[in-house]
Amino acid sequence: MDGISSVDAAPGAAQVAMLRKVLDAGSQNMANLLEALPQPVPPTARPGEYLA
């Protein structure tokens, strides 16, 4: 192998591209999951209690 492949010339570039694709898909899946979950009830303080 006399030539330098593009992956060797930029080590990690392929991994970065793959990771970016996975993260984009993961963020979309996470958004879908959050939409499907029931919304939490907003916290309300009872008399004499402080909200953290």
PDB file of N, CA and C in Angstrom:
ATOM      1  N   MET A   1       0.843  -1.188   0.000  1.00  0.00           N
ATOM      2  CA  MET A   1       0.000   0.000   0.000  1.00  0.00           C
ATOM      3  C   MET A   1       0.881   1.243   0.000  1.00  0.00           C
ATOM      4  N   ASP A   2       1.030   1.813  -1.161  1.00  0.00           N
ATOM      5  CA  ASP A   2       1.862   3.009  -1.251  1.00  0.00           C
ATOM      6  C   ASP A   2       1.057   4.268  -0.963  1.00  0.00           C
ATOM      7  N   GLY A   3      -0.200   4.271  -1.401  1.00  0.00           N
ATOM      8  CA  GLY A   3      -1.021   5.467  -1.220  1.00  0.00           C
ATOM      9  C   GLY A   3      -1.618   5.536   0.173  1.00  0.00           C
ATOM     10  N   ILE A   4      -1.971   6.734   0.538  1.00  0.00           N
ATOM     11  CA  ILE A   4      -2.637   6.946   1.830  1.00  0.00           C
ATOM     12  C   ILE A   4      -4.133   7.076   1.556  1.00  0.00           C
ATOM     13  N   SER A   5      -4.912   6.229   2.201  1.00  0.00           N
ATOM     14  CA  SER A   5      -6.352   6.315   1.983  1.00  0.00           C
ATOM     15  C   SER A   5      -6.904   7.556   2.669  1.00  0.00           C
ATOM     16  N   SER A   6      -8.085   7.961   2.283  1.00  0.00           N
ATOM     17  CA  SER A   6      -8.671   9.167   2.867  1.00  0.00           C
ATOM     18  C   SER A   6      -8.945   8.976   4.359  1.00  0.00           C
ATOM     19  N   VAL A   7      -9.221   7.737   4.754  1.00  0.00           N
ATOM     20  CA  VAL A   7      -9.463   7.481   6.174  1.00  0.00           C
ATOM     21  C   VAL A   7      -8.168   7.629   6.959  1.00  0.00           C
ATOM     22  N   ASP A   8      -7.044   7.154   6.378  1.00  0.00           N
ATOM     23  CA  ASP A   8      -5.752   7.291   7.051  1.00  0.00           C
ATOM     24  C   ASP A   8      -5.301   8.746   7.093  1.00  0.00           C
ATOM     25  N   ALA A   9      -5.608   9.501   6.043  1.00  0.00           N
ATOM     26  CA  ALA A   9      -5.187  10.898   5.981  1.00  0.00           C
ATOM     27  C   ALA A   9      -5.908  11.721   7.045  1.00  0.00           C
ATOM     28  N   ALA A  10      -7.134  11.364   7.347  1.00  0.00           N
ATOM     29  CA  ALA A  10      -7.908  12.067   8.366  1.00  0.00           C
ATOM     30  C   ALA A  10      -8.396  11.043   9.384  1.00  0.00           C
ATOM     31  N   PRO A  11      -7.517  10.652  10.315  1.00  0.00           N
ATOM     32  CA  PRO A  11      -7.934   9.616  11.269  1.00  0.00           C
ATOM     33  C   PRO A  11      -9.116  10.091  12.099  1.00  0.00           C
ATOM     34  N   GLY A  12     -10.090   9.224  12.211  1.00  0.00           N
ATOM     35  CA  GLY A  12     -11.259   9.572  13.000  1.00  0.00           C
ATOM     36  C   GLY A  12     -12.374  10.206  12.193  1.00  0.00           C
ATOM     37  N   ALA A  13     -12.108  10.593  10.946  1.00  0.00           N
ATOM     38  CA  ALA A  13     -13.143  11.266  10.162  1.00  0.00           C
ATOM     39  C   ALA A  13     -14.333  10.345   9.908  1.00  0.00           C
ATOM     40  N   ALA A  14     -14.051   9.084   9.587  1.00  0.00           N
ATOM     41  CA  ALA A  14     -15.142   8.144   9.340  1.00  0.00           C
ATOM     42  C   ALA A  14     -15.925   7.889  10.624  1.00  0.00           C
ATOM     43  N   GLN A  15     -15.203   7.787  11.736  1.00  0.00           N
ATOM     44  CA  GLN A  15     -15.879   7.559  13.011  1.00  0.00           C
ATOM     45  C   GLN A  15     -16.742   8.760  13.375  1.00  0.00           C
ATOM     46  N   VAL A  16     -16.232   9.966  13.120  1.00  0.00           N
ATOM     47  CA  VAL A  16     -17.002  11.173  13.424  1.00  0.00           C
ATOM     48  C   VAL A  16     -18.266  11.212  12.580  1.00  0.00           C
ATOM     49  N   ALA A  17     -18.137  10.865  11.288  1.00  0.00           N
ATOM     50  CA  ALA A  17     -19.305  10.878  10.412  1.00  0.00           C
ATOM     51  C   ALA A  17     -20.330   9.847  10.870  1.00  0.00           C
ATOM     52  N   MET A  18     -19.861   8.662  11.246  1.00  0.00           N
ATOM     53  CA  MET A  18     -20.775   7.618  11.707  1.00  0.00           C
ATOM     54  C   MET A  18     -21.442   8.026  13.016  1.00  0.00           C
ATOM     55  N   LEU A  19     -20.645   8.585  13.928  1.00  0.00           N
ATOM     56  CA  LEU A  19     -21.187   8.997  15.218  1.00  0.00           C
ATOM     57  C   LEU A  19     -22.221  10.098  15.036  1.00  0.00           C
ATOM     58  N   ARG A  20     -21.942  11.022  14.118  1.00  0.00           N
ATOM     59  CA  ARG A  20     -22.891  12.107  13.882  1.00  0.00           C
ATOM     60  C   ARG A  20     -24.216  11.554  13.364  1.00  0.00           C
ATOM     61  N   LYS A  21     -24.134  10.547  12.464  1.00  0.00           N
ATOM     62  CA  LYS A  21     -25.353   9.943  11.921  1.00  0.00           C
ATOM     63  C   LYS A  21     -26.141   9.253  13.032  1.00  0.00           C
ATOM     64  N   VAL A  22     -25.425   8.527  13.896  1.00  0.00           N
ATOM     65  CA  VAL A  22     -26.088   7.820  14.992  1.00  0.00           C
ATOM     66  C   VAL A  22     -26.726   8.811  15.955  1.00  0.00           C
ATOM     67  N   LEU A  23     -26.005   9.890  16.261  1.00  0.00           N
ATOM     68  CA  LEU A  23     -26.545  10.874  17.196  1.00  0.00           C
ATOM     69  C   LEU A  23     -27.760  11.578  16.612  1.00  0.00           C
ATOM     70  N   ASP A  24     -27.734  11.879  15.307  1.00  0.00           N
ATOM     71  CA  ASP A  24     -28.893  12.512  14.685  1.00  0.00           C
ATOM     72  C   ASP A  24     -30.098  11.592  14.762  1.00  0.00           C
ATOM     73  N   ALA A  25     -29.893  10.307  14.474  1.00  0.00           N
ATOM     74  CA  ALA A  25     -30.994   9.349  14.556  1.00  0.00           C
ATOM     75  C   ALA A  25     -31.454   9.210  15.999  1.00  0.00           C
ATOM     76  N   GLY A  26     -30.502   9.192  16.929  1.00  0.00           N
ATOM     77  CA  GLY A  26     -30.847   9.041  18.334  1.00  0.00           C
ATOM     78  C   GLY A  26     -31.625  10.224  18.858  1.00  0.00           C
ATOM     79  N   SER A  27     -31.252  11.438  18.426  1.00  0.00           N
ATOM     80  CA  SER A  27     -31.966  12.612  18.915  1.00  0.00           C
ATOM     81  C   SER A  27     -33.389  12.622  18.372  1.00  0.00           C
ATOM     82  N   GLN A  28     -33.575  12.147  17.136  1.00  0.00           N
ATOM     83  CA  GLN A  28     -34.924  12.073  16.584  1.00  0.00           C
ATOM     84  C   GLN A  28     -35.738  11.027  17.334  1.00  0.00           C
ATOM     85  N   ASN A  29     -35.124   9.881  17.632  1.00  0.00           N
ATOM     86  CA  ASN A  29     -35.830   8.852  18.391  1.00  0.00           C
ATOM     87  C   ASN A  29     -36.169   9.348  19.781  1.00  0.00           C
ATOM     88  N   MET A  30     -35.269  10.098  20.403  1.00  0.00           N
ATOM     89  CA  MET A  30     -35.520  10.629  21.737  1.00  0.00           C
ATOM     90  C   MET A  30     -36.680  11.615  21.703  1.00  0.00           C
ATOM     91  N   ALA A  31     -36.743  12.446  20.657  1.00  0.00           N
ATOM     92  CA  ALA A  31     -37.845  13.399  20.538  1.00  0.00           C
ATOM     93  C   ALA A  31     -39.165  12.651  20.404  1.00  0.00           C
ATOM     94  N   ASN A  32     -39.171  11.578  19.606  1.00  0.00           N
ATOM     95  CA  ASN A  32     -40.392  10.785  19.462  1.00  0.00           C
ATOM     96  C   ASN A  32     -40.783  10.149  20.788  1.00  0.00           C
ATOM     97  N   LEU A  33     -39.795   9.678  21.535  1.00  0.00           N
ATOM     98  CA  LEU A  33     -40.070   9.043  22.816  1.00  0.00           C
ATOM     99  C   LEU A  33     -40.640  10.056  23.796  1.00  0.00           C
ATOM    100  N   LEU A  34     -40.064  11.253  23.832  1.00  0.00           N
ATOM    101  CA  LEU A  34     -40.550  12.274  24.758  1.00  0.00           C
ATOM    102  C   LEU A  34     -41.972  12.697  24.417  1.00  0.00           C
ATOM    103  N   GLU A  35     -42.304  12.736  23.121  1.00  0.00           N
ATOM    104  CA  GLU A  35     -43.667  13.092  22.732  1.00  0.00           C
ATOM    105  C   GLU A  35     -44.650  12.015  23.160  1.00  0.00           C
ATOM    106  N   ALA A  36     -44.220  10.765  23.169  1.00  0.00           N
ATOM    107  CA  ALA A  36     -45.118   9.665  23.501  1.00  0.00           C
ATOM    108  C   ALA A  36     -45.355   9.555  25.003  1.00  0.00           C
ATOM    109  N   LEU A  37     -44.392  10.043  25.803  1.00  0.00           N
ATOM    110  CA  LEU A  37     -44.545   9.925  27.248  1.00  0.00           C
ATOM    111  C   LEU A  37     -45.561  10.932  27.766  1.00  0.00           C
ATOM    112  N   PRO A  38     -46.271  10.583  28.827  1.00  0.00           N
ATOM    113  CA  PRO A  38     -47.192  11.558  29.420  1.00  0.00           C
ATOM    114  C   PRO A  38     -46.415  12.723  30.017  1.00  0.00           C
ATOM    115  N   GLN A  39     -46.986  13.898  29.919  1.00  0.00           N
ATOM    116  CA  GLN A  39     -46.313  15.078  30.451  1.00  0.00           C
ATOM    117  C   GLN A  39     -46.398  15.071  31.972  1.00  0.00           C
ATOM    118  N   PRO A  40     -45.311  15.400  32.649  1.00  0.00           N
ATOM    119  CA  PRO A  40     -45.348  15.419  34.111  1.00  0.00           C
ATOM    120  C   PRO A  40     -46.218  16.560  34.620  1.00  0.00           C
ATOM    121  N   VAL A  41     -46.812  16.337  35.763  1.00  0.00           N
ATOM    122  CA  VAL A  41     -47.636  17.367  36.385  1.00  0.00           C
ATOM    123  C   VAL A  41     -46.701  18.454  36.909  1.00  0.00           C
ATOM    124  N   PRO A  42     -47.010  19.723  36.644  1.00  0.00           N
ATOM    125  CA  PRO A  42     -46.124  20.769  37.155  1.00  0.00           C
ATOM    126  C   PRO A  42     -46.107  20.762  38.676  1.00  0.00           C
ATOM    127  N   PRO A  43     -44.952  21.004  39.280  1.00  0.00           N
ATOM    128  CA  PRO A  43     -44.872  20.948  40.741  1.00  0.00           C
ATOM    129  C   PRO A  43     -45.657  22.084  41.381  1.00  0.00           C
ATOM    130  N   THR A  44     -46.396  21.747  42.405  1.00  0.00           N
ATOM    131  CA  THR A  44     -47.128  22.768  43.148  1.00  0.00           C
ATOM    132  C   THR A  44     -46.752  22.628  44.610  1.00  0.00           C
ATOM    133  N   ALA A  45     -46.561  23.748  45.257  1.00  0.00           N
ATOM    134  CA  ALA A  45     -46.176  23.724  46.663  1.00  0.00           C
ATOM    135  C   ALA A  45     -47.428  23.741  47.525  1.00  0.00           C
ATOM    136  N   ARG A  46     -47.416  22.881  48.510  1.00  0.00           N
ATOM    137  CA  ARG A  46     -48.490  22.936  49.491  1.00  0.00           C
ATOM    138  C   ARG A  46     -48.169  24.056  50.474  1.00  0.00           C
ATOM    139  N   PRO A  47     -49.154  24.534  51.203  1.00  0.00           N
ATOM    140  CA  PRO A  47     -48.881  25.605  52.162  1.00  0.00           C
ATOM    141  C   PRO A  47     -47.773  25.197  53.128  1.00  0.00           C
ATOM    142  N   GLY A  48     -46.805  26.088  53.310  1.00  0.00           N
ATOM    143  CA  GLY A  48     -45.706  25.817  54.213  1.00  0.00           C
ATOM    144  C   GLY A  48     -44.555  25.062  53.584  1.00  0.00           C
ATOM    145  N   GLU A  49     -44.657  24.734  52.270  1.00  0.00           N
ATOM    146  CA  GLU A  49     -43.590  24.006  51.584  1.00  0.00           C
ATOM    147  C   GLU A  49     -42.900  24.930  50.594  1.00  0.00           C
ATOM    148  N   TYR A  50     -41.639  24.696  50.396  1.00  0.00           N
ATOM    149  CA  TYR A  50     -40.889  25.417  49.372  1.00  0.00           C
ATOM    150  C   TYR A  50     -40.601  24.460  48.224  1.00  0.00           C
ATOM    151  N   LEU A  51     -40.658  24.995  47.006  1.00  0.00           N
ATOM    152  CA  LEU A  51     -40.257  24.193  45.850  1.00  0.00           C
ATOM    153  C   LEU A  51     -38.746  24.269  45.719  1.00  0.00           C
ATOM    154  N   ALA A  52     -38.145  23.141  45.441  1.00  0.00           N
ATOM    155  CA  ALA A  52     -36.680  23.117  45.296  1.00  0.00           C
ATOM    156  C   ALA A  52     -36.289  23.754  43.975  1.00  0.00           C
TER     157      ALA A  52
END
